[in-house]
N, C-alpha and C. Protein backbone atom coordinates (compact mmCIF):
# COMPACT_ATOMS: atom_id res chain seq x y z
N MET A 1 309.48 1.51 140.08
CA MET A 1 309.99 0.96 138.84
C MET A 1 308.85 0.44 137.96
N ARG A 2 307.89 -0.24 138.60
CA ARG A 2 306.78 -0.80 137.84
C ARG A 2 305.96 0.33 137.20
N LYS A 3 305.71 1.42 137.96
CA LYS A 3 304.97 2.56 137.42
C LYS A 3 305.72 3.16 136.23
N TYR A 4 307.03 3.23 136.32
CA TYR A 4 307.86 3.76 135.25
C TYR A 4 307.70 2.90 133.99
N LEU A 5 307.74 1.59 134.13
CA LEU A 5 307.59 0.69 132.99
C LEU A 5 306.20 0.80 132.38
N ILE A 6 305.18 0.89 133.21
CA ILE A 6 303.82 1.03 132.70
C ILE A 6 303.68 2.35 131.95
N LEU A 7 304.16 3.42 132.57
CA LEU A 7 304.09 4.74 131.93
C LEU A 7 304.85 4.75 130.61
N THR A 8 306.04 4.19 130.59
CA THR A 8 306.83 4.12 129.37
C THR A 8 306.10 3.30 128.30
N SER A 9 305.50 2.20 128.70
CA SER A 9 304.75 1.36 127.75
C SER A 9 303.56 2.11 127.17
N VAL A 10 302.84 2.84 128.02
CA VAL A 10 301.68 3.61 127.56
C VAL A 10 302.13 4.69 126.58
N ILE A 11 303.20 5.40 126.92
CA ILE A 11 303.70 6.45 126.02
C ILE A 11 304.16 5.85 124.70
N PHE A 12 304.89 4.76 124.74
CA PHE A 12 305.35 4.10 123.53
C PHE A 12 304.17 3.66 122.67
N PHE A 13 303.15 3.05 123.29
CA PHE A 13 301.96 2.61 122.55
C PHE A 13 301.27 3.81 121.91
N PHE A 14 301.12 4.89 122.66
CA PHE A 14 300.46 6.07 122.14
C PHE A 14 301.21 6.64 120.94
N LEU A 15 302.52 6.77 121.07
CA LEU A 15 303.32 7.32 119.98
C LEU A 15 303.30 6.44 118.75
N THR A 16 303.46 5.15 118.92
CA THR A 16 303.50 4.25 117.75
C THR A 16 302.13 4.09 117.13
N SER A 17 301.06 4.12 117.92
CA SER A 17 299.73 4.00 117.32
C SER A 17 299.39 5.25 116.54
N ASN A 18 299.82 6.41 117.01
CA ASN A 18 299.58 7.64 116.26
C ASN A 18 300.43 7.69 115.00
N MET A 19 301.61 7.12 115.02
CA MET A 19 302.45 7.10 113.82
C MET A 19 301.79 6.30 112.72
N ALA A 20 301.02 5.29 113.08
CA ALA A 20 300.35 4.49 112.08
C ALA A 20 299.35 5.33 111.28
N PHE A 21 298.80 6.38 111.90
CA PHE A 21 297.85 7.22 111.22
C PHE A 21 298.51 8.42 110.55
N ALA A 22 299.81 8.58 110.74
CA ALA A 22 300.51 9.74 110.20
C ALA A 22 300.80 9.59 108.72
N GLN A 23 300.81 8.40 108.22
CA GLN A 23 301.12 8.16 106.82
C GLN A 23 300.07 7.23 106.22
N VAL A 24 300.09 7.12 104.92
CA VAL A 24 299.22 6.13 104.29
C VAL A 24 299.80 4.76 104.62
N SER A 25 298.96 3.75 104.52
CA SER A 25 299.44 2.40 104.82
C SER A 25 300.51 2.00 103.80
N GLN A 26 301.30 1.03 104.17
CA GLN A 26 302.35 0.56 103.25
C GLN A 26 301.73 0.03 101.96
N GLU A 27 300.62 -0.66 102.08
CA GLU A 27 299.95 -1.21 100.88
C GLU A 27 299.45 -0.08 99.98
N THR A 28 298.83 0.94 100.57
CA THR A 28 298.36 2.08 99.77
C THR A 28 299.52 2.81 99.14
N ALA A 29 300.61 3.00 99.89
CA ALA A 29 301.81 3.64 99.34
C ALA A 29 302.36 2.83 98.18
N ARG A 30 302.38 1.51 98.30
CA ARG A 30 302.86 0.65 97.22
C ARG A 30 301.98 0.81 95.98
N LEU A 31 300.66 0.84 96.19
CA LEU A 31 299.74 1.00 95.06
C LEU A 31 299.89 2.37 94.40
N LEU A 32 300.05 3.41 95.20
CA LEU A 32 300.26 4.75 94.64
C LEU A 32 301.56 4.80 93.84
N ASN A 33 302.62 4.25 94.39
CA ASN A 33 303.90 4.22 93.68
C ASN A 33 303.81 3.42 92.39
N ASN A 34 303.08 2.29 92.41
CA ASN A 34 302.88 1.50 91.19
C ASN A 34 302.15 2.30 90.12
N ALA A 35 301.32 3.24 90.57
CA ALA A 35 300.56 4.08 89.66
C ALA A 35 301.35 5.32 89.22
N LYS A 36 302.61 5.40 89.62
CA LYS A 36 303.48 6.53 89.30
C LYS A 36 303.03 7.82 89.98
N ILE A 37 302.46 7.63 91.19
CA ILE A 37 302.05 8.75 92.03
C ILE A 37 303.02 8.76 93.21
N GLN A 38 303.81 9.83 93.31
CA GLN A 38 304.85 9.92 94.33
C GLN A 38 304.26 10.18 95.71
N VAL A 39 304.42 9.21 96.61
CA VAL A 39 303.99 9.39 97.99
C VAL A 39 305.02 10.27 98.69
N LEU A 40 304.55 11.29 99.37
CA LEU A 40 305.45 12.20 100.06
C LEU A 40 305.87 11.58 101.39
N PRO A 41 307.08 11.87 101.85
CA PRO A 41 307.57 11.26 103.10
C PRO A 41 306.76 11.67 104.33
N ASP A 42 306.18 12.86 104.30
CA ASP A 42 305.37 13.33 105.42
C ASP A 42 304.09 13.96 104.87
N ARG A 43 302.98 13.66 105.54
CA ARG A 43 301.74 14.34 105.17
C ARG A 43 301.88 15.80 105.59
N THR A 44 301.45 16.70 104.74
CA THR A 44 301.55 18.12 105.07
C THR A 44 300.20 18.78 104.91
N GLN A 45 300.01 19.82 105.67
CA GLN A 45 298.78 20.60 105.60
C GLN A 45 298.86 21.51 104.38
N PRO A 46 297.93 21.39 103.44
CA PRO A 46 297.96 22.31 102.30
C PRO A 46 297.55 23.71 102.73
N ARG A 47 298.01 24.67 102.01
CA ARG A 47 297.59 26.05 102.28
C ARG A 47 296.17 26.19 101.75
N ASP A 48 295.30 26.66 102.62
CA ASP A 48 293.91 26.83 102.21
C ASP A 48 293.81 28.04 101.28
N PHE A 49 292.84 27.99 100.41
CA PHE A 49 292.60 29.10 99.50
C PHE A 49 291.14 29.10 99.09
N THR A 50 290.71 30.22 98.60
CA THR A 50 289.37 30.36 98.04
C THR A 50 289.52 30.94 96.65
N LEU A 51 288.85 30.30 95.70
CA LEU A 51 288.87 30.76 94.31
C LEU A 51 287.46 30.66 93.74
N PRO A 52 287.20 31.42 92.67
CA PRO A 52 285.91 31.24 92.01
C PRO A 52 285.88 29.93 91.23
N LEU A 53 284.74 29.26 91.33
CA LEU A 53 284.50 28.09 90.48
C LEU A 53 284.07 28.59 89.11
N LEU A 54 284.22 27.77 88.13
CA LEU A 54 283.84 28.15 86.77
C LEU A 54 282.38 28.58 86.70
N GLY A 55 281.55 28.01 87.54
CA GLY A 55 280.13 28.37 87.57
C GLY A 55 279.83 29.71 88.22
N GLY A 56 280.82 30.32 88.87
CA GLY A 56 280.63 31.65 89.43
C GLY A 56 280.76 31.74 90.93
N ALA A 57 280.36 30.71 91.68
CA ALA A 57 280.46 30.75 93.14
C ALA A 57 281.92 30.57 93.56
N ASN A 58 282.23 30.98 94.78
CA ASN A 58 283.56 30.77 95.33
C ASN A 58 283.57 29.47 96.13
N ALA A 59 284.72 28.82 96.18
CA ALA A 59 284.90 27.62 96.99
C ALA A 59 286.29 27.64 97.59
N SER A 60 286.40 27.07 98.77
CA SER A 60 287.71 26.97 99.42
C SER A 60 288.13 25.52 99.46
N LEU A 61 289.43 25.30 99.44
CA LEU A 61 289.95 23.94 99.52
C LEU A 61 289.49 23.26 100.79
N SER A 62 289.49 23.97 101.91
CA SER A 62 289.12 23.37 103.19
C SER A 62 287.69 22.86 103.23
N SER A 63 286.83 23.36 102.35
CA SER A 63 285.44 22.89 102.34
C SER A 63 285.32 21.46 101.82
N TYR A 64 286.39 20.91 101.27
CA TYR A 64 286.37 19.55 100.73
C TYR A 64 286.97 18.54 101.71
N LYS A 65 287.30 18.99 102.93
CA LYS A 65 287.83 18.08 103.93
C LYS A 65 286.82 16.96 104.17
N GLY A 66 287.33 15.75 104.32
CA GLY A 66 286.46 14.58 104.45
C GLY A 66 286.37 13.79 103.16
N LYS A 67 286.89 14.37 102.08
CA LYS A 67 286.94 13.69 100.79
C LYS A 67 288.39 13.47 100.39
N ILE A 68 288.61 12.54 99.49
CA ILE A 68 289.92 12.42 98.84
C ILE A 68 289.89 13.44 97.70
N VAL A 69 290.86 14.34 97.67
CA VAL A 69 290.86 15.42 96.68
C VAL A 69 292.07 15.28 95.76
N ILE A 70 291.80 15.34 94.48
CA ILE A 70 292.84 15.48 93.47
C ILE A 70 292.88 16.97 93.14
N LEU A 71 293.94 17.64 93.55
CA LEU A 71 294.12 19.07 93.32
C LEU A 71 295.07 19.21 92.14
N ASN A 72 294.51 19.56 90.99
CA ASN A 72 295.25 19.55 89.73
C ASN A 72 295.43 20.98 89.21
N PHE A 73 296.67 21.37 88.96
CA PHE A 73 296.98 22.67 88.38
C PHE A 73 297.24 22.47 86.89
N TRP A 74 296.57 23.25 86.04
CA TRP A 74 296.59 23.01 84.61
C TRP A 74 296.26 24.30 83.85
N ALA A 75 296.28 24.21 82.52
CA ALA A 75 295.83 25.30 81.63
C ALA A 75 295.36 24.69 80.32
N THR A 76 294.47 25.38 79.63
CA THR A 76 293.91 24.85 78.38
C THR A 76 294.95 24.76 77.26
N TRP A 77 295.99 25.59 77.31
CA TRP A 77 297.00 25.61 76.25
C TRP A 77 298.07 24.54 76.44
N CYS A 78 298.02 23.79 77.53
CA CYS A 78 299.05 22.82 77.90
C CYS A 78 298.70 21.43 77.33
N PRO A 79 299.46 20.93 76.33
CA PRO A 79 299.14 19.63 75.75
C PRO A 79 299.09 18.46 76.75
N PRO A 80 300.05 18.33 77.70
CA PRO A 80 299.93 17.22 78.65
C PRO A 80 298.70 17.36 79.57
N CYS A 81 298.32 18.59 79.88
CA CYS A 81 297.12 18.81 80.70
C CYS A 81 295.89 18.33 79.94
N ARG A 82 295.81 18.73 78.69
CA ARG A 82 294.67 18.33 77.86
C ARG A 82 294.63 16.81 77.67
N ALA A 83 295.81 16.20 77.57
CA ALA A 83 295.88 14.76 77.34
C ALA A 83 295.36 13.96 78.54
N GLU A 84 295.59 14.44 79.76
CA GLU A 84 295.19 13.66 80.94
C GLU A 84 293.74 13.89 81.36
N MET A 85 293.12 14.95 80.88
CA MET A 85 291.78 15.28 81.36
C MET A 85 290.70 14.25 81.05
N PRO A 86 290.69 13.63 79.88
CA PRO A 86 289.66 12.59 79.68
C PRO A 86 289.75 11.46 80.71
N SER A 87 290.96 11.07 81.07
CA SER A 87 291.11 10.01 82.07
C SER A 87 290.75 10.51 83.47
N MET A 88 290.97 11.79 83.74
CA MET A 88 290.53 12.36 85.02
C MET A 88 289.01 12.32 85.12
N GLU A 89 288.35 12.65 84.03
CA GLU A 89 286.88 12.62 84.02
C GLU A 89 286.37 11.20 84.27
N LYS A 90 287.02 10.21 83.67
CA LYS A 90 286.61 8.81 83.89
C LYS A 90 286.80 8.41 85.35
N LEU A 91 287.94 8.79 85.94
CA LEU A 91 288.18 8.48 87.35
C LEU A 91 287.14 9.18 88.23
N TYR A 92 286.86 10.42 87.91
CA TYR A 92 285.86 11.19 88.67
C TYR A 92 284.49 10.51 88.61
N GLN A 93 284.07 10.13 87.41
CA GLN A 93 282.77 9.47 87.27
C GLN A 93 282.72 8.16 88.04
N ARG A 94 283.82 7.45 88.06
CA ARG A 94 283.87 6.16 88.74
C ARG A 94 283.77 6.29 90.27
N PHE A 95 284.42 7.33 90.84
CA PHE A 95 284.55 7.40 92.29
C PHE A 95 283.89 8.61 92.96
N LYS A 96 283.24 9.49 92.21
CA LYS A 96 282.70 10.71 92.83
C LYS A 96 281.66 10.41 93.91
N ASN A 97 280.93 9.33 93.80
CA ASN A 97 279.93 8.98 94.80
C ASN A 97 280.52 8.24 95.99
N GLN A 98 281.83 7.98 95.94
CA GLN A 98 282.52 7.30 97.04
C GLN A 98 283.44 8.24 97.81
N GLY A 99 283.37 9.53 97.51
CA GLY A 99 284.15 10.50 98.27
C GLY A 99 285.36 11.07 97.55
N LEU A 100 285.43 10.90 96.23
CA LEU A 100 286.53 11.51 95.46
C LEU A 100 286.06 12.85 94.92
N GLU A 101 286.93 13.85 95.02
CA GLU A 101 286.68 15.14 94.41
C GLU A 101 287.89 15.53 93.60
N ILE A 102 287.65 16.11 92.45
CA ILE A 102 288.73 16.67 91.63
C ILE A 102 288.53 18.18 91.61
N LEU A 103 289.57 18.91 91.94
CA LEU A 103 289.57 20.35 91.82
C LEU A 103 290.63 20.71 90.79
N ALA A 104 290.19 21.10 89.62
CA ALA A 104 291.11 21.46 88.55
C ALA A 104 291.29 22.97 88.57
N VAL A 105 292.47 23.43 88.96
CA VAL A 105 292.75 24.86 89.10
C VAL A 105 293.44 25.34 87.83
N ASP A 106 292.70 26.10 87.03
CA ASP A 106 293.28 26.66 85.81
C ASP A 106 294.13 27.86 86.17
N LEU A 107 295.32 27.89 85.60
CA LEU A 107 296.28 28.96 85.91
C LEU A 107 296.31 30.03 84.83
N GLY A 108 295.86 31.22 85.18
CA GLY A 108 296.09 32.41 84.38
C GLY A 108 295.21 32.66 83.18
N GLU A 109 294.14 31.92 83.03
CA GLU A 109 293.29 32.11 81.85
C GLU A 109 291.95 32.71 82.23
N SER A 110 291.28 33.25 81.24
CA SER A 110 289.98 33.87 81.47
C SER A 110 288.90 32.81 81.64
N ALA A 111 287.83 33.21 82.30
CA ALA A 111 286.69 32.31 82.49
C ALA A 111 286.10 31.89 81.15
N VAL A 112 286.08 32.79 80.18
CA VAL A 112 285.52 32.48 78.86
C VAL A 112 286.32 31.36 78.19
N THR A 113 287.63 31.47 78.21
CA THR A 113 288.50 30.46 77.59
C THR A 113 288.32 29.10 78.27
N VAL A 114 288.33 29.11 79.58
CA VAL A 114 288.22 27.86 80.33
C VAL A 114 286.84 27.24 80.16
N ARG A 115 285.80 28.06 80.26
CA ARG A 115 284.43 27.56 80.10
C ARG A 115 284.24 26.89 78.75
N ARG A 116 284.73 27.52 77.70
CA ARG A 116 284.60 26.96 76.35
C ARG A 116 285.27 25.58 76.29
N PHE A 117 286.48 25.48 76.83
CA PHE A 117 287.22 24.22 76.82
C PHE A 117 286.48 23.13 77.61
N ILE A 118 286.03 23.47 78.80
CA ILE A 118 285.34 22.49 79.66
C ILE A 118 284.02 22.05 79.02
N GLN A 119 283.26 22.99 78.50
CA GLN A 119 281.98 22.64 77.87
C GLN A 119 282.18 21.81 76.61
N ASN A 120 283.16 22.18 75.79
CA ASN A 120 283.40 21.43 74.55
C ASN A 120 283.80 19.99 74.83
N ASN A 121 284.46 19.76 75.95
CA ASN A 121 284.92 18.41 76.30
C ASN A 121 284.02 17.70 77.29
N ARG A 122 282.97 18.39 77.74
CA ARG A 122 281.96 17.81 78.64
C ARG A 122 282.54 17.28 79.95
N TYR A 123 283.50 18.01 80.51
CA TYR A 123 284.04 17.64 81.80
C TYR A 123 283.09 18.12 82.89
N THR A 124 282.93 17.31 83.92
CA THR A 124 281.95 17.62 84.96
C THR A 124 282.57 17.89 86.32
N PHE A 125 283.88 17.66 86.49
CA PHE A 125 284.50 17.93 87.78
C PHE A 125 284.64 19.44 87.98
N PRO A 126 284.70 19.89 89.24
CA PRO A 126 284.80 21.33 89.51
C PRO A 126 286.11 21.93 88.97
N VAL A 127 285.97 23.10 88.39
CA VAL A 127 287.12 23.84 87.86
C VAL A 127 287.18 25.19 88.57
N MET A 128 288.36 25.51 89.07
CA MET A 128 288.59 26.78 89.76
C MET A 128 289.46 27.67 88.89
N LEU A 129 289.27 28.97 89.03
CA LEU A 129 289.99 29.93 88.20
C LEU A 129 291.00 30.71 89.03
N ASP A 130 292.27 30.49 88.74
CA ASP A 130 293.37 31.24 89.37
C ASP A 130 293.91 32.19 88.32
N THR A 131 293.13 33.21 88.00
CA THR A 131 293.44 34.09 86.88
C THR A 131 294.74 34.87 87.06
N ASP A 132 295.14 35.12 88.30
CA ASP A 132 296.38 35.88 88.53
C ASP A 132 297.54 34.98 88.99
N ASN A 133 297.36 33.67 88.92
CA ASN A 133 298.40 32.69 89.30
C ASN A 133 298.83 32.81 90.76
N ARG A 134 298.01 33.42 91.59
CA ARG A 134 298.34 33.59 93.00
C ARG A 134 298.44 32.24 93.72
N ILE A 135 297.49 31.35 93.46
CA ILE A 135 297.49 30.06 94.16
C ILE A 135 298.56 29.15 93.57
N GLY A 136 298.76 29.21 92.27
CA GLY A 136 299.84 28.44 91.66
C GLY A 136 301.19 28.82 92.27
N SER A 137 301.40 30.10 92.49
CA SER A 137 302.64 30.56 93.13
C SER A 137 302.71 30.10 94.57
N LEU A 138 301.59 30.17 95.28
CA LEU A 138 301.53 29.74 96.67
C LEU A 138 301.95 28.27 96.81
N TYR A 139 301.58 27.45 95.82
CA TYR A 139 301.91 26.03 95.83
C TYR A 139 303.24 25.72 95.13
N GLY A 140 303.92 26.74 94.66
CA GLY A 140 305.24 26.55 94.04
C GLY A 140 305.17 25.81 92.72
N ILE A 141 304.09 25.99 91.97
CA ILE A 141 303.93 25.28 90.71
C ILE A 141 304.92 25.84 89.69
N GLN A 142 305.77 24.94 89.18
CA GLN A 142 306.77 25.33 88.18
C GLN A 142 306.53 24.65 86.84
N ALA A 143 305.75 23.58 86.85
CA ALA A 143 305.42 22.85 85.63
C ALA A 143 303.98 22.39 85.75
N ILE A 144 303.30 22.36 84.60
CA ILE A 144 301.94 21.84 84.61
C ILE A 144 301.83 20.72 83.59
N PRO A 145 300.98 19.76 83.88
CA PRO A 145 300.17 19.67 85.08
C PRO A 145 300.98 19.25 86.30
N THR A 146 300.59 19.76 87.43
CA THR A 146 301.08 19.30 88.73
C THR A 146 299.85 18.99 89.56
N THR A 147 299.88 17.84 90.21
CA THR A 147 298.71 17.36 90.93
C THR A 147 299.11 16.91 92.33
N PHE A 148 298.28 17.27 93.30
CA PHE A 148 298.45 16.83 94.68
C PHE A 148 297.27 15.95 95.06
N ILE A 149 297.54 14.90 95.82
CA ILE A 149 296.49 14.05 96.37
C ILE A 149 296.36 14.42 97.84
N ILE A 150 295.15 14.74 98.25
CA ILE A 150 294.87 15.15 99.62
C ILE A 150 293.95 14.11 100.25
N ASP A 151 294.32 13.64 101.44
CA ASP A 151 293.53 12.59 102.10
C ASP A 151 292.29 13.18 102.77
N ARG A 152 291.48 12.31 103.36
CA ARG A 152 290.22 12.72 103.98
C ARG A 152 290.42 13.65 105.18
N GLU A 153 291.59 13.62 105.78
CA GLU A 153 291.89 14.51 106.90
C GLU A 153 292.39 15.86 106.42
N GLY A 154 292.48 16.04 105.11
CA GLY A 154 292.91 17.32 104.57
C GLY A 154 294.41 17.50 104.48
N LYS A 155 295.16 16.40 104.42
CA LYS A 155 296.62 16.46 104.35
C LYS A 155 297.09 16.00 102.97
N ILE A 156 298.11 16.67 102.44
CA ILE A 156 298.71 16.25 101.17
C ILE A 156 299.53 14.99 101.43
N ILE A 157 299.24 13.94 100.66
CA ILE A 157 299.95 12.67 100.84
C ILE A 157 300.79 12.29 99.63
N ALA A 158 300.49 12.90 98.46
CA ALA A 158 301.20 12.48 97.26
C ALA A 158 301.18 13.61 96.23
N ARG A 159 302.07 13.46 95.24
CA ARG A 159 302.20 14.47 94.19
C ARG A 159 302.53 13.80 92.86
N VAL A 160 302.04 14.41 91.79
CA VAL A 160 302.39 13.97 90.43
C VAL A 160 302.80 15.22 89.66
N ILE A 161 303.99 15.19 89.10
CA ILE A 161 304.42 16.27 88.21
C ILE A 161 304.41 15.69 86.81
N GLY A 162 303.60 16.29 85.94
CA GLY A 162 303.39 15.75 84.61
C GLY A 162 302.06 15.03 84.53
N SER A 163 301.75 14.54 83.36
CA SER A 163 300.45 13.89 83.18
C SER A 163 300.56 12.38 83.37
N ILE A 164 299.46 11.79 83.79
CA ILE A 164 299.35 10.34 83.88
C ILE A 164 297.97 9.94 83.37
N GLU A 165 297.79 8.66 83.17
CA GLU A 165 296.48 8.13 82.81
C GLU A 165 295.73 7.85 84.10
N TRP A 166 294.81 8.71 84.46
CA TRP A 166 294.10 8.61 85.73
C TRP A 166 293.12 7.45 85.78
N ASP A 167 292.83 6.84 84.65
CA ASP A 167 291.92 5.70 84.66
C ASP A 167 292.64 4.38 84.39
N SER A 168 293.97 4.36 84.55
CA SER A 168 294.71 3.10 84.38
C SER A 168 294.37 2.15 85.51
N PRO A 169 294.52 0.85 85.29
CA PRO A 169 294.24 -0.11 86.37
C PRO A 169 295.04 0.16 87.64
N GLN A 170 296.28 0.62 87.51
CA GLN A 170 297.11 0.91 88.67
C GLN A 170 296.56 2.08 89.48
N VAL A 171 296.13 3.14 88.79
CA VAL A 171 295.57 4.31 89.48
C VAL A 171 294.24 3.93 90.13
N ILE A 172 293.42 3.19 89.42
CA ILE A 172 292.13 2.76 89.99
C ILE A 172 292.35 1.94 91.26
N ALA A 173 293.31 1.02 91.23
CA ALA A 173 293.60 0.21 92.43
C ALA A 173 294.06 1.10 93.58
N ALA A 174 294.88 2.11 93.29
CA ALA A 174 295.36 3.01 94.35
C ALA A 174 294.20 3.79 94.95
N PHE A 175 293.28 4.28 94.12
CA PHE A 175 292.16 5.05 94.65
C PHE A 175 291.13 4.17 95.35
N GLU A 176 291.01 2.94 94.93
CA GLU A 176 290.15 2.01 95.68
C GLU A 176 290.70 1.82 97.09
N ALA A 177 292.01 1.77 97.22
CA ALA A 177 292.62 1.64 98.55
C ALA A 177 292.44 2.92 99.37
N LEU A 178 292.55 4.08 98.73
CA LEU A 178 292.39 5.35 99.44
C LEU A 178 290.96 5.59 99.88
N LEU A 179 290.03 5.22 99.03
CA LEU A 179 288.63 5.50 99.32
C LEU A 179 288.04 4.46 100.25
């Protein structure tokens, strides 16, 4: 009986301690929700992909594991996408040296169009080109901008459909907790 109780206690401890790492902390979830960033009920593994970066080299999503990644689907012709990008750049500049990465995946446009837009606005975060909308379809993107937050373990923890102010005090507090 004693062995059974010890074994049950060990199993219970193991399961509950692992559950603590399965989700973001309650405080981080509260901060994300305050920032209008929807915390997902379960962390999920994103589908890995490789796309060309605006600079010409290819990059895969999995190569950013170990960082907090903002995976943003957008297009230059989209007014809400254009509206949120200055605040994304400010957030990127603030936290890029602390492990934040932004991957802005342009949907369906040419490299020339995207390059002109990025250069004219002096954005410095990485931009990926999904010229055939293959990755947008893989992620079920139906409206842009759509953004996923991926934790350091490479799991999707949150989503934003529509634009937000990425440099608002609420968003900054949430990313300070994540980083």
